C-alpha atoms as a PDB file:
ATOM      1  CA  MET A   1      86.257 124.050 103.311  1.00  0.00           C
ATOM      2  CA  ASP A   2      84.880 120.890 104.631  1.00  0.00           C
ATOM      3  CA  PRO A   3      86.798 118.454 103.847  1.00  0.00           C
ATOM      4  CA  LEU A   4      86.010 114.917 102.604  1.00  0.00           C
ATOM      5  CA  PRO A   5      86.976 111.797 105.546  1.00  0.00           C
ATOM      6  CA  VAL A   6      89.576 109.182 104.252  1.00  0.00           C
ATOM      7  CA  GLY A   7      88.289 106.183 102.070  1.00  0.00           C
ATOM      8  CA  LYS A   8      86.072 105.662  99.393  1.00  0.00           C
ATOM      9  CA  LEU A   9      83.439 108.823  98.302  1.00  0.00           C
ATOM     10  CA  LYS A  10      80.206 108.017 100.061  1.00  0.00           C
ATOM     11  CA  LEU A  11      78.027 106.142  97.030  1.00  0.00           C
ATOM     12  CA  GLU A  12      75.369 108.111  96.627  1.00  0.00           C
ATOM     13  CA  TYR A  13      77.794 111.117  95.860  1.00  0.00           C
ATOM     14  CA  LEU A  14      79.606 109.425  93.744  1.00  0.00           C
ATOM     15  CA  ALA A  15      77.090 107.836  91.824  1.00  0.00           C
ATOM     16  CA  ALA A  16      76.566 111.839  90.944  1.00  0.00           C
ATOM     17  CA  LEU A  17      79.781 111.842  89.540  1.00  0.00           C
ATOM     18  CA  LEU A  18      79.636 109.472  87.420  1.00  0.00           C
ATOM     19  CA  ALA A  19      76.199 110.358  86.229  1.00  0.00           C
ATOM     20  CA  ARG A  20      77.452 113.787  85.943  1.00  0.00           C
ATOM     21  CA  TYR A  21      80.903 112.803  84.355  1.00  0.00           C
ATOM     22  CA  THR A  22      80.237 109.838  82.099  1.00  0.00           C
ATOM     23  CA  GLN A  23      78.990 109.152  79.241  1.00  0.00           C
ATOM     24  CA  PRO A  24      77.724 106.237  77.384  1.00  0.00           C
ATOM     25  CA  GLU A  25      79.975 104.396  74.165  1.00  0.00           C
ATOM     26  CA  GLU A  26      78.514 101.740  71.883  1.00  0.00           C
ATOM     27  CA  ARG A  27      81.505  99.899  72.659  1.00  0.00           C
ATOM     28  CA  VAL A  28      81.739 100.384  75.854  1.00  0.00           C
ATOM     29  CA  LEU A  29      79.285  97.285  77.243  1.00  0.00           C
ATOM     30  CA  LEU A  30      80.111  98.269  81.232  1.00  0.00           C
ATOM     31  CA  GLY A  31      81.045 101.026  82.267  1.00  0.00           C
ATOM     32  CA  ALA A  32      81.445 103.176  85.154  1.00  0.00           C
ATOM     33  CA  GLY A  33      79.055 102.402  88.191  1.00  0.00           C
ATOM     34  CA  ILE A  34      78.925 101.545  91.430  1.00  0.00           C
ATOM     35  CA  GLY A  35      79.506  97.900  92.652  1.00  0.00           C
ATOM     36  CA  GLU A  36      81.085  97.653  89.021  1.00  0.00           C
ATOM     37  CA  ASP A  37      84.976  95.995  89.639  1.00  0.00           C
ATOM     38  CA  ALA A  38      85.907  96.863  86.081  1.00  0.00           C
ATOM     39  CA  THR A  39      85.046  98.189  82.694  1.00  0.00           C
ATOM     40  CA  VAL A  40      84.052  96.293  79.377  1.00  0.00           C
ATOM     41  CA  ILE A  41      84.589  96.813  76.244  1.00  0.00           C
ATOM     42  CA  ASP A  42      83.615  94.887  73.125  1.00  0.00           C
ATOM     43  CA  PHE A  43      86.818  93.994  70.390  1.00  0.00           C
ATOM     44  CA  GLY A  44      84.763  91.858  68.494  1.00  0.00           C
ATOM     45  CA  ASP A  45      84.884  88.062  69.534  1.00  0.00           C
ATOM     46  CA  ARG A  46      86.259  89.032  72.850  1.00  0.00           C
ATOM     47  CA  TYR A  47      85.779  91.445  75.122  1.00  0.00           C
ATOM     48  CA  LEU A  48      88.550  94.138  77.230  1.00  0.00           C
ATOM     49  CA  VAL A  49      88.301  93.356  80.329  1.00  0.00           C
ATOM     50  CA  ALA A  50      90.436  96.938  82.253  1.00  0.00           C
ATOM     51  CA  LYS A  51      90.704  97.377  85.962  1.00  0.00           C
ATOM     52  CA  THR A  52      93.030 100.401  87.570  1.00  0.00           C
ATOM     53  CA  ASP A  53      93.198 100.210  91.167  1.00  0.00           C
ATOM     54  CA  PRO A  54      96.411 101.915  93.590  1.00  0.00           C
ATOM     55  CA  ILE A  55      98.331 100.717  96.668  1.00  0.00           C
ATOM     56  CA  THR A  56      98.593 103.775  99.031  1.00  0.00           C
ATOM     57  CA  PHE A  57     100.013 102.749 102.321  1.00  0.00           C
ATOM     58  CA  ALA A  58     103.194 101.558 103.142  1.00  0.00           C
ATOM     59  CA  THR A  59     103.830  97.968 103.136  1.00  0.00           C
ATOM     60  CA  ASP A  60     107.046  95.684 102.103  1.00  0.00           C
ATOM     61  CA  GLU A  61     104.475  93.887  99.600  1.00  0.00           C
ATOM     62  CA  VAL A  62     103.262  96.559  97.851  1.00  0.00           C
ATOM     63  CA  GLY A  63     104.288  95.639  94.357  1.00  0.00           C
ATOM     64  CA  TRP A  64     102.670  92.189  95.109  1.00  0.00           C
ATOM     65  CA  TYR A  65     100.061  93.875  96.018  1.00  0.00           C
ATOM     66  CA  ALA A  66      98.936  96.647  93.167  1.00  0.00           C
ATOM     67  CA  VAL A  67      98.634  92.941  91.421  1.00  0.00           C
ATOM     68  CA  HIS A  68      96.781  90.858  92.958  1.00  0.00           C
ATOM     69  CA  VAL A  69      94.123  93.378  93.747  1.00  0.00           C
ATOM     70  CA  ASN A  70      93.632  94.146  89.930  1.00  0.00           C
ATOM     71  CA  ALA A  71      93.520  90.900  89.109  1.00  0.00           C
ATOM     72  CA  ASN A  72      90.450  90.348  91.578  1.00  0.00           C
ATOM     73  CA  ASP A  73      88.155  92.805  89.528  1.00  0.00           C
ATOM     74  CA  ILE A  74      89.173  91.301  86.493  1.00  0.00           C
ATOM     75  CA  ALA A  75      88.108  87.441  88.163  1.00  0.00           C
ATOM     76  CA  THR A  76      85.052  88.574  89.147  1.00  0.00           C
ATOM     77  CA  THR A  77      83.767  89.300  84.965  1.00  0.00           C
ATOM     78  CA  GLY A  78      84.904  86.179  84.334  1.00  0.00           C
ATOM     79  CA  ALA A  79      88.048  86.809  82.473  1.00  0.00           C
ATOM     80  CA  GLU A  80      91.127  85.997  82.613  1.00  0.00           C
ATOM     81  CA  PRO A  81      93.883  88.848  83.799  1.00  0.00           C
ATOM     82  CA  LYS A  82      96.414  88.985  80.974  1.00  0.00           C
ATOM     83  CA  TRP A  83      98.571  92.314  81.255  1.00  0.00           C
ATOM     84  CA  PHE A  84      99.651  94.345  83.758  1.00  0.00           C
ATOM     85  CA  LEU A  85     100.613  98.538  83.895  1.00  0.00           C
ATOM     86  CA  VAL A  86     102.238 100.075  86.587  1.00  0.00           C
ATOM     87  CA  THR A  87     102.816 103.341  87.531  1.00  0.00           C
ATOM     88  CA  LEU A  88     105.112 103.625  90.215  1.00  0.00           C
ATOM     89  CA  LEU A  89     105.510 106.530  92.749  1.00  0.00           C
ATOM     90  CA  LEU A  90     108.727 106.753  94.652  1.00  0.00           C
ATOM     91  CA  PRO A  91     109.287 109.232  97.956  1.00  0.00           C
ATOM     92  CA  GLU A  92     112.008 111.726  97.648  1.00  0.00           C
ATOM     93  CA  GLY A  93     114.650 111.530  99.607  1.00  0.00           C
ATOM     94  CA  ARG A  94     112.843 107.955 100.974  1.00  0.00           C
ATOM     95  CA  THR A  95     114.849 105.803  97.517  1.00  0.00           C
ATOM     96  CA  ASP A  96     117.322 103.833  96.973  1.00  0.00           C
ATOM     97  CA  LYS A  97     117.836 100.838  94.189  1.00  0.00           C
ATOM     98  CA  ALA A  98     118.044  98.431  96.753  1.00  0.00           C
ATOM     99  CA  LEU A  99     113.977  99.658  97.495  1.00  0.00           C
ATOM    100  CA  VAL A 100     113.108 100.013  93.064  1.00  0.00           C
ATOM    101  CA  GLU A 101     114.211  96.316  92.554  1.00  0.00           C
ATOM    102  CA  ARG A 102     112.523  94.828  95.631  1.00  0.00           C
ATOM    103  CA  ILE A 103     109.232  96.765  94.210  1.00  0.00           C
ATOM    104  CA  PHE A 104     109.709  95.489  90.731  1.00  0.00           C
ATOM    105  CA  SER A 105     110.570  92.188  92.186  1.00  0.00           C
ATOM    106  CA  GLN A 106     107.287  91.775  93.663  1.00  0.00           C
ATOM    107  CA  LEU A 107     105.213  93.111  90.463  1.00  0.00           C
ATOM    108  CA  ALA A 108     107.070  90.143  88.371  1.00  0.00           C
ATOM    109  CA  GLU A 109     106.433  87.606  91.014  1.00  0.00           C
ATOM    110  CA  ALA A 110     102.660  88.240  91.496  1.00  0.00           C
ATOM    111  CA  CYS A 111     102.445  88.471  87.705  1.00  0.00           C
ATOM    112  CA  GLY A 112     104.312  84.851  87.024  1.00  0.00           C
ATOM    113  CA  GLN A 113     101.875  83.445  89.432  1.00  0.00           C
ATOM    114  CA  ILE A 114      98.962  84.175  88.084  1.00  0.00           C
ATOM    115  CA  GLY A 115     100.421  83.903  84.674  1.00  0.00           C
ATOM    116  CA  ALA A 116      99.928  88.028  83.518  1.00  0.00           C
ATOM    117  CA  SER A 117     102.407  90.036  81.334  1.00  0.00           C
ATOM    118  CA  LEU A 118     103.871  92.734  83.139  1.00  0.00           C
ATOM    119  CA  CYS A 119     103.954  94.664  80.003  1.00  0.00           C
ATOM    120  CA  GLY A 120     104.653  98.688  80.917  1.00  0.00           C
ATOM    121  CA  GLY A 121     103.971 101.800  82.803  1.00  0.00           C
ATOM    122  CA  HIS A 122     105.822 104.941  84.202  1.00  0.00           C
ATOM    123  CA  THR A 123     108.855 105.315  87.242  1.00  0.00           C
ATOM    124  CA  GLU A 124     108.991 108.126  89.142  1.00  0.00           C
ATOM    125  CA  VAL A 125     110.744 109.518  92.631  1.00  0.00           C
ATOM    126  CA  THR A 126     108.091 112.261  93.193  1.00  0.00           C
ATOM    127  CA  TYR A 127     108.280 115.267  95.084  1.00  0.00           C
ATOM    128  CA  GLY A 128     105.921 115.241  98.528  1.00  0.00           C
ATOM    129  CA  LEU A 129     105.072 111.819  99.153  1.00  0.00           C
ATOM    130  CA  ASP A 130     106.456 109.856 102.285  1.00  0.00           C
ATOM    131  CA  ARG A 131     105.524 106.247 101.146  1.00  0.00           C
ATOM    132  CA  PRO A 132     105.579 104.636  97.015  1.00  0.00           C
ATOM    133  CA  ILE A 133     102.758 104.446  95.279  1.00  0.00           C
ATOM    134  CA  VAL A 134     101.487 102.017  93.145  1.00  0.00           C
ATOM    135  CA  VAL A 135      98.880 102.488  90.416  1.00  0.00           C
ATOM    136  CA  GLY A 136      98.438  99.493  88.813  1.00  0.00           C
ATOM    137  CA  GLN A 137      95.779  98.780  85.475  1.00  0.00           C
ATOM    138  CA  MET A 138      95.152  94.887  84.968  1.00  0.00           C
ATOM    139  CA  LEU A 139      93.968  94.009  81.449  1.00  0.00           C
ATOM    140  CA  GLY A 140      92.175  90.778  80.164  1.00  0.00           C
ATOM    141  CA  GLU A 141      89.471  89.274  78.099  1.00  0.00           C
ATOM    142  CA  VAL A 142      86.683  87.260  78.272  1.00  0.00           C
ATOM    143  CA  ALA A 143      84.710  85.635  75.649  1.00  0.00           C
ATOM    144  CA  PRO A 144      80.928  87.087  75.277  1.00  0.00           C
ATOM    145  CA  ASP A 145      78.742  83.943  76.359  1.00  0.00           C
ATOM    146  CA  GLN A 146      81.508  84.177  79.517  1.00  0.00           C
ATOM    147  CA  LEU A 147      80.948  87.366  80.782  1.00  0.00           C
ATOM    148  CA  VAL A 148      79.920  87.485  84.839  1.00  0.00           C
ATOM    149  CA  THR A 149      79.030  91.311  85.848  1.00  0.00           C
ATOM    150  CA  SER A 150      78.124  92.384  89.850  1.00  0.00           C
ATOM    151  CA  LYS A 151      74.801  94.092  88.029  1.00  0.00           C
ATOM    152  CA  GLY A 152      73.796  89.787  87.364  1.00  0.00           C
ATOM    153  CA  ALA A 153      72.156  88.986  90.986  1.00  0.00           C
ATOM    154  CA  ARG A 154      68.254  87.383  91.025  1.00  0.00           C
ATOM    155  CA  VAL A 155      65.800  86.983  93.601  1.00  0.00           C
ATOM    156  CA  GLY A 156      66.123  84.197  94.625  1.00  0.00           C
ATOM    157  CA  ASP A 157      69.671  83.388  94.435  1.00  0.00           C
ATOM    158  CA  MET A 158      71.981  81.939  96.777  1.00  0.00           C
ATOM    159  CA  ILE A 159      74.887  84.640  98.235  1.00  0.00           C
ATOM    160  CA  LEU A 160      78.087  82.564  98.366  1.00  0.00           C
ATOM    161  CA  LEU A 161      81.226  83.928 100.786  1.00  0.00           C
ATOM    162  CA  THR A 162      84.899  82.046 100.008  1.00  0.00           C
ATOM    163  CA  LYS A 163      87.151  81.574 102.703  1.00  0.00           C
ATOM    164  CA  ALA A 164      86.202  84.230 105.412  1.00  0.00           C
ATOM    165  CA  VAL A 165      86.383  87.642 105.617  1.00  0.00           C
ATOM    166  CA  ALA A 166      88.943  90.943 107.145  1.00  0.00           C
ATOM    167  CA  VAL A 167      91.789  88.316 105.992  1.00  0.00           C
ATOM    168  CA  GLU A 168      93.247  91.183 104.675  1.00  0.00           C
ATOM    169  CA  GLY A 169      92.394  93.306 106.647  1.00  0.00           C
ATOM    170  CA  THR A 170      93.449  91.122 109.318  1.00  0.00           C
ATOM    171  CA  ALA A 171      97.691  91.105 108.295  1.00  0.00           C
ATOM    172  CA  ILE A 172      97.484  94.851 108.151  1.00  0.00           C
ATOM    173  CA  ILE A 173      96.650  94.966 111.638  1.00  0.00           C
ATOM    174  CA  ALA A 174      99.360  92.367 112.425  1.00  0.00           C
ATOM    175  CA  ARG A 175     102.168  94.168 110.289  1.00  0.00           C
ATOM    176  CA  GLU A 176     101.255  97.547 110.588  1.00  0.00           C
ATOM    177  CA  LYS A 177     100.770  97.086 114.807  1.00  0.00           C
ATOM    178  CA  ALA A 178     103.841  94.476 115.063  1.00  0.00           C
ATOM    179  CA  SER A 179     105.261  96.538 117.473  1.00  0.00           C
ATOM    180  CA  GLU A 180     102.652  97.240 119.599  1.00  0.00           C
ATOM    181  CA  LEU A 181     101.002  94.173 119.346  1.00  0.00           C
ATOM    182  CA  ALA A 182     104.423  91.735 119.966  1.00  0.00           C
ATOM    183  CA  ASP A 183     104.133  92.235 124.121  1.00  0.00           C
ATOM    184  CA  GLU A 184     100.273  90.959 123.606  1.00  0.00           C
ATOM    185  CA  TYR A 185     100.145  88.171 121.789  1.00  0.00           C
ATOM    186  CA  PRO A 186     102.532  84.972 120.932  1.00  0.00           C
ATOM    187  CA  GLU A 187     105.016  85.108 117.980  1.00  0.00           C
ATOM    188  CA  ASP A 188     103.670  82.410 116.205  1.00  0.00           C
ATOM    189  CA  PHE A 189     100.348  83.741 116.415  1.00  0.00           C
ATOM    190  CA  LEU A 190     101.000  87.400 115.290  1.00  0.00           C
ATOM    191  CA  SER A 191     103.294  85.444 112.712  1.00  0.00           C
ATOM    192  CA  ARG A 192      99.742  83.414 111.393  1.00  0.00           C
ATOM    193  CA  CYS A 193      97.573  86.842 110.828  1.00  0.00           C
ATOM    194  CA  ARG A 194     100.578  88.442 109.228  1.00  0.00           C
ATOM    195  CA  ASN A 195     100.963  85.254 106.432  1.00  0.00           C
ATOM    196  CA  LEU A 196      97.571  85.649 105.719  1.00  0.00           C
ATOM    197  CA  LEU A 197      98.333  87.433 102.287  1.00  0.00           C
ATOM    198  CA  ARG A 198      98.937  84.767 101.713  1.00  0.00           C
ATOM    199  CA  ASP A 199      97.554  81.786 103.160  1.00  0.00           C
ATOM    200  CA  PRO A 200      94.877  81.751 102.547  1.00  0.00           C
ATOM    201  CA  GLY A 201      95.540  85.104 100.318  1.00  0.00           C
ATOM    202  CA  ILE A 202      94.098  87.892  99.254  1.00  0.00           C
ATOM    203  CA  SER A 203      93.530  86.542  95.245  1.00  0.00           C
ATOM    204  CA  VAL A 204      90.121  85.295  94.670  1.00  0.00           C
ATOM    205  CA  LEU A 205      90.845  84.330  90.980  1.00  0.00           C
ATOM    206  CA  PRO A 206      91.597  80.207  91.570  1.00  0.00           C
ATOM    207  CA  GLU A 207      87.686  80.860  92.933  1.00  0.00           C
ATOM    208  CA  ALA A 208      86.385  82.561  90.217  1.00  0.00           C
ATOM    209  CA  ARG A 209      88.010  80.230  87.078  1.00  0.00           C
ATOM    210  CA  ILE A 210      86.539  77.704  89.642  1.00  0.00           C
ATOM    211  CA  ALA A 211      82.730  78.805  89.843  1.00  0.00           C
ATOM    212  CA  VAL A 212      82.310  79.952  86.073  1.00  0.00           C
ATOM    213  CA  ARG A 213      83.641  76.452  85.040  1.00  0.00           C
ATOM    214  CA  THR A 214      81.002  74.752  87.193  1.00  0.00           C
ATOM    215  CA  ALA A 215      77.683  76.920  86.811  1.00  0.00           C
ATOM    216  CA  GLN A 216      76.485  79.576  85.610  1.00  0.00           C
ATOM    217  CA  VAL A 217      77.216  82.559  87.655  1.00  0.00           C
ATOM    218  CA  HIS A 218      74.941  85.257  87.718  1.00  0.00           C
ATOM    219  CA  ALA A 219      77.329  87.695  89.858  1.00  0.00           C
ATOM    220  CA  MET A 220      80.391  88.238  91.062  1.00  0.00           C
ATOM    221  CA  HIS A 221      81.850  91.029  93.277  1.00  0.00           C
ATOM    222  CA  ASP A 222      85.093  91.564  95.037  1.00  0.00           C
ATOM    223  CA  PRO A 223      84.782  93.377  98.623  1.00  0.00           C
ATOM    224  CA  THR A 224      87.584  95.350  99.304  1.00  0.00           C
ATOM    225  CA  GLU A 225      87.114  99.190 101.472  1.00  0.00           C
ATOM    226  CA  GLY A 226      84.363  99.213 103.790  1.00  0.00           C
ATOM    227  CA  GLY A 227      84.493  94.988 104.069  1.00  0.00           C
ATOM    228  CA  LEU A 228      81.881  92.472 103.254  1.00  0.00           C
ATOM    229  CA  ALA A 229      79.243  95.120 104.140  1.00  0.00           C
ATOM    230  CA  THR A 230      80.276  97.805 101.639  1.00  0.00           C
ATOM    231  CA  GLY A 231      80.704  94.873  99.237  1.00  0.00           C
ATOM    232  CA  LEU A 232      76.795  93.548  99.629  1.00  0.00           C
ATOM    233  CA  TRP A 233      75.904  97.169  99.258  1.00  0.00           C
ATOM    234  CA  GLU A 234      77.780  97.868  96.663  1.00  0.00           C
ATOM    235  CA  LEU A 235      76.956  94.303  94.946  1.00  0.00           C
ATOM    236  CA  ALA A 236      72.418  95.001  95.881  1.00  0.00           C
ATOM    237  CA  ARG A 237      72.814  98.472  94.060  1.00  0.00           C
ATOM    238  CA  ALA A 238      74.079  97.370  91.241  1.00  0.00           C
ATOM    239  CA  SER A 239      71.465  94.516  90.536  1.00  0.00           C
ATOM    240  CA  GLY A 240      69.086  96.490  92.128  1.00  0.00           C
ATOM    241  CA  VAL A 241      67.938  94.240  94.508  1.00  0.00           C
ATOM    242  CA  GLY A 242      67.678  93.364  98.025  1.00  0.00           C
ATOM    243  CA  LEU A 243      69.513  90.493 100.442  1.00  0.00           C
ATOM    244  CA  HIS A 244      68.871  88.953 103.665  1.00  0.00           C
ATOM    245  CA  ILE A 245      71.932  88.029 105.092  1.00  0.00           C
ATOM    246  CA  ASP A 246      72.579  85.911 107.950  1.00  0.00           C
ATOM    247  CA  ARG A 247      75.415  87.675 110.696  1.00  0.00           C
ATOM    248  CA  ASP A 248      75.476  83.828 111.887  1.00  0.00           C
ATOM    249  CA  ALA A 249      76.697  82.422 108.946  1.00  0.00           C
ATOM    250  CA  ILE A 250      79.590  84.601 108.461  1.00  0.00           C
ATOM    251  CA  PRO A 251      83.337  82.869 108.402  1.00  0.00           C
ATOM    252  CA  VAL A 252      85.618  84.687 110.860  1.00  0.00           C
ATOM    253  CA  LEU A 253      88.479  83.447 111.372  1.00  0.00           C
ATOM    254  CA  PRO A 254      90.190  83.577 115.079  1.00  0.00           C
ATOM    255  CA  GLU A 255      92.713  85.729 114.475  1.00  0.00           C
ATOM    256  CA  THR A 256      90.349  88.621 112.882  1.00  0.00           C
ATOM    257  CA  ALA A 257      87.648  88.309 115.882  1.00  0.00           C
ATOM    258  CA  ALA A 258      90.978  88.448 118.364  1.00  0.00           C
ATOM    259  CA  LEU A 259      92.050  91.287 116.616  1.00  0.00           C
ATOM    260  CA  CYS A 260      89.346  93.209 115.586  1.00  0.00           C
ATOM    261  CA  ALA A 261      88.032  92.525 118.988  1.00  0.00           C
ATOM    262  CA  ARG A 262      91.868  94.213 120.734  1.00  0.00           C
ATOM    263  CA  TYR A 263      91.114  97.339 118.426  1.00  0.00           C
ATOM    264  CA  ASP A 264      87.524  97.408 119.418  1.00  0.00           C
ATOM    265  CA  LEU A 265      86.495  97.032 114.753  1.00  0.00           C
ATOM    266  CA  ASN A 266      83.480  95.202 113.170  1.00  0.00           C
ATOM    267  CA  PRO A 267      85.027  92.639 110.954  1.00  0.00           C
ATOM    268  CA  LEU A 268      82.180  93.071 108.946  1.00  0.00           C
ATOM    269  CA  GLY A 269      84.007  96.812 107.716  1.00  0.00           C
ATOM    270  CA  VAL A 270      87.024  95.953 107.814  1.00  0.00           C
ATOM    271  CA  ILE A 271      89.316  95.693 104.224  1.00  0.00           C
ATOM    272  CA  ALA A 272      88.126  91.943 102.487  1.00  0.00           C
ATOM    273  CA  SER A 273      90.231  91.347  99.426  1.00  0.00           C
ATOM    274  CA  GLY A 274      90.686  87.588  99.741  1.00  0.00           C
ATOM    275  CA  SER A 275      86.792  86.968  99.617  1.00  0.00           C
ATOM    276  CA  LEU A 276      84.861  86.446  97.038  1.00  0.00           C
ATOM    277  CA  LEU A 277      80.670  87.231  96.484  1.00  0.00           C
ATOM    278  CA  LEU A 278      78.946  85.266  94.108  1.00  0.00           C
ATOM    279  CA  ALA A 279      75.036  85.312  93.328  1.00  0.00           C
ATOM    280  CA  LEU A 280      73.686  81.627  91.920  1.00  0.00           C
ATOM    281  CA  ALA A 281      71.081  79.904  91.295  1.00  0.00           C
ATOM    282  CA  PRO A 282      69.511  77.582  94.455  1.00  0.00           C
ATOM    283  CA  GLU A 283      70.256  74.226  92.324  1.00  0.00           C
ATOM    284  CA  ASP A 284      73.553  75.798  92.061  1.00  0.00           C
ATOM    285  CA  ALA A 285      75.107  76.772  95.082  1.00  0.00           C
ATOM    286  CA  PRO A 286      75.451  73.114  96.544  1.00  0.00           C
ATOM    287  CA  LEU A 287      77.868  72.257  92.664  1.00  0.00           C
ATOM    288  CA  VAL A 288      80.270  75.210  93.364  1.00  0.00           C
ATOM    289  CA  ILE A 289      81.037  74.625  97.148  1.00  0.00           C
ATOM    290  CA  ALA A 290      81.542  71.114  96.187  1.00  0.00           C
ATOM    291  CA  ALA A 291      84.039  71.745  94.111  1.00  0.00           C
ATOM    292  CA  LEU A 292      85.911  74.654  95.619  1.00  0.00           C
ATOM    293  CA  ASP A 293      85.704  72.543  98.364  1.00  0.00           C
ATOM    294  CA  ALA A 294      87.831  69.843  96.209  1.00  0.00           C
ATOM    295  CA  ALA A 295      90.624  72.867  95.551  1.00  0.00           C
ATOM    296  CA  HIS A 296      90.868  73.595  99.439  1.00  0.00           C
ATOM    297  CA  ILE A 297      88.272  76.560  98.885  1.00  0.00           C
ATOM    298  CA  PRO A 298      86.143  77.130 101.904  1.00  0.00           C
ATOM    299  CA  ALA A 299      82.693  78.513 100.171  1.00  0.00           C
ATOM    300  CA  THR A 300      79.501  79.072 102.803  1.00  0.00           C
ATOM    301  CA  VAL A 301      76.050  80.225 101.794  1.00  0.00           C
ATOM    302  CA  ILE A 302      75.607  83.282 103.661  1.00  0.00           C
ATOM    303  CA  GLY A 303      71.822  84.797 103.102  1.00  0.00           C
ATOM    304  CA  LYS A 304      70.059  85.625  99.937  1.00  0.00           C
ATOM    305  CA  VAL A 305      68.547  87.695  97.116  1.00  0.00           C
ATOM    306  CA  ILE A 306      65.371  89.086  97.777  1.00  0.00           C
ATOM    307  CA  LEU A 307      63.183  92.136  96.258  1.00  0.00           C
ATOM    308  CA  PRO A 308      64.486  95.596  96.861  1.00  0.00           C
ATOM    309  CA  GLU A 309      61.903  96.566  98.348  1.00  0.00           C
ATOM    310  CA  GLU A 310      62.127  94.237 101.402  1.00  0.00           C
ATOM    311  CA  GLY A 311      65.789  96.059 101.908  1.00  0.00           C
ATOM    312  CA  LEU A 312      69.351  94.631 102.922  1.00  0.00           C
ATOM    313  CA  ILE A 313      69.101  92.845 106.030  1.00  0.00           C
ATOM    314  CA  LEU A 314      70.908  91.349 108.441  1.00  0.00           C
ATOM    315  CA  VAL A 315      70.064  88.897 111.367  1.00  0.00           C
ATOM    316  CA  VAL A 316      71.921  89.095 114.153  1.00  0.00           C
ATOM    317  CA  ASP A 317      70.882  86.778 116.724  1.00  0.00           C
ATOM    318  CA  GLY A 318      66.876  86.023 115.190  1.00  0.00           C
ATOM    319  CA  VAL A 319      66.717  90.140 115.006  1.00  0.00           C
ATOM    320  CA  ALA A 320      66.408  91.195 111.766  1.00  0.00           C
ATOM    321  CA  GLN A 321      68.160  94.759 110.874  1.00  0.00           C
ATOM    322  CA  ARG A 322      69.553  96.655 108.505  1.00  0.00           C
ATOM    323  CA  LEU A 323      72.626  96.067 107.125  1.00  0.00           C
ATOM    324  CA  PRO A 324      75.398  98.699 108.306  1.00  0.00           C
ATOM    325  CA  ARG A 325      77.610 100.397 105.815  1.00  0.00           C
ATOM    326  CA  PHE A 326      81.109 101.438 106.727  1.00  0.00           C
ATOM    327  CA  GLU A 327      82.454 104.509 105.253  1.00  0.00           C
ATOM    328  CA  PRO A 328      85.140 105.194 105.495  1.00  0.00           C
ATOM    329  CA  ASP A 329      86.541 101.312 106.459  1.00  0.00           C
ATOM    330  CA  GLU A 330      86.869 100.787 110.005  1.00  0.00           C
ATOM    331  CA  ILE A 331      90.669 100.304 109.658  1.00  0.00           C
ATOM    332  CA  ALA A 332      90.769 103.263 108.061  1.00  0.00           C
ATOM    333  CA  ARG A 333      89.369 104.634 112.247  1.00  0.00           C
ATOM    334  CA  LEU A 334      92.813 102.963 113.002  1.00  0.00           C
ATOM    335  CA  PHE A 335      95.467 104.046 111.269  1.00  0.00           C
ATOM    336  CA  ALA A 336      94.104 107.974 110.763  1.00  0.00           C
ATOM    337  CA  ASP A 337      95.612 110.255 112.697  1.00  0.00           C
ATOM    338  CA  TRP A 338      93.768 113.196 113.239  1.00  0.00           C
ATOM    339  CA  ASP A 339      93.966 116.583 113.015  1.00  0.00           C
ATOM    340  CA  SER A 340      91.980 119.394 113.439  1.00  0.00           C
ATOM    341  CA  SER A 341      93.057 121.994 111.516  1.00  0.00           C
ATOM    342  CA  THR A 342      93.761 119.909 108.606  1.00  0.00           C
ATOM    343  CA  ASN A 343      92.740 117.017 105.977  1.00  0.00           C
ATOM    344  CA  PRO A 344      93.040 113.445 108.287  1.00  0.00           C
ATOM    345  CA  ARG A 345      95.947 112.061 107.508  1.00  0.00           C
ATOM    346  CA  SER A 346      97.047 108.093 107.587  1.00  0.00           C
ATOM    347  CA  SER A 347      99.707 106.332 107.452  1.00  0.00           C
ATOM    348  CA  LEU A 348      97.567 103.567 106.487  1.00  0.00           C
ATOM    349  CA  ALA A 349      95.673 105.054 103.406  1.00  0.00           C
ATOM    350  CA  PRO A 350      92.814 103.768 102.416  1.00  0.00           C
ATOM    351  CA  ARG A 351      93.858 102.315  98.843  1.00  0.00           C
ATOM    352  CA  ARG A 352      90.667 101.881  96.390  1.00  0.00           C
ATOM    353  CA  CYS A 353      88.238 103.598  95.529  1.00  0.00           C
ATOM    354  CA  ARG A 354      85.779 102.490  92.713  1.00  0.00           C
END
């Protein structure tokens, strides 16, 4: 047996699986595909948008995480997240009522923050787990003329990025490596890193709402596992375009730069919920940036859409090179516990695979 590595399946392999095992259906307007964040089903005067995503690592915010990462993928279609269902698998021998109450409280809090209803699911204590696993499913709706997908980027579009790269990954490192980092960094620094989950936060729903109200957004995508670089690959593949990205234009928080340097991680490949990629006409980009700025959400032009035959280009210090792709995510490399006789294991396993 040749075990697969931790993380997302390679894009080419996943594309082959989807081509082999998924079938078109008349009402499924947007089905399974590389770079697509959600599925879209025709319900007449409204489109139903559906997404499922698991949270598989040990964290004190697992329920809160599950709601927001699923809502993010609804937001990238221009839809409003409305209904959340959850499958909660709890570890045998490690689960008490306090843990269950804490997770349900987090689910309720996060749903309340975005205006969604926790409306169903399944909960059980499961054999063979060493941590809670939360599998969320978010349903939303959008008017047909307001639908946005990952496949709409056009040659000449500007590529915008909100907030900064690897906000989520920075918070994860600070939380999961707390004891190791405590001797190296001041507590106020580590506290800022941990709090990045909520400030600026991993939700992209506010900026997606503002963007679609301000201009015609051609494409949106939520870079997650594999970081910004992989998110750009997915966007380009979905739209069938090339990209010209300026590395110097990509915002990296000082906290992110410090922790990535500490563990020799490339910030472009670190799990990146909290940043939204948008493709817009050049004349619309300043309008959206201004609208986001008024809401105290930073946004930066990091590149442009080019012809597909020109490829995926990252310019670093004035030198053009091929845009990297990270399989697995950089953070998986940090947390993986490798055993040559078995599959790789991770106490912080990458959690999402599209």
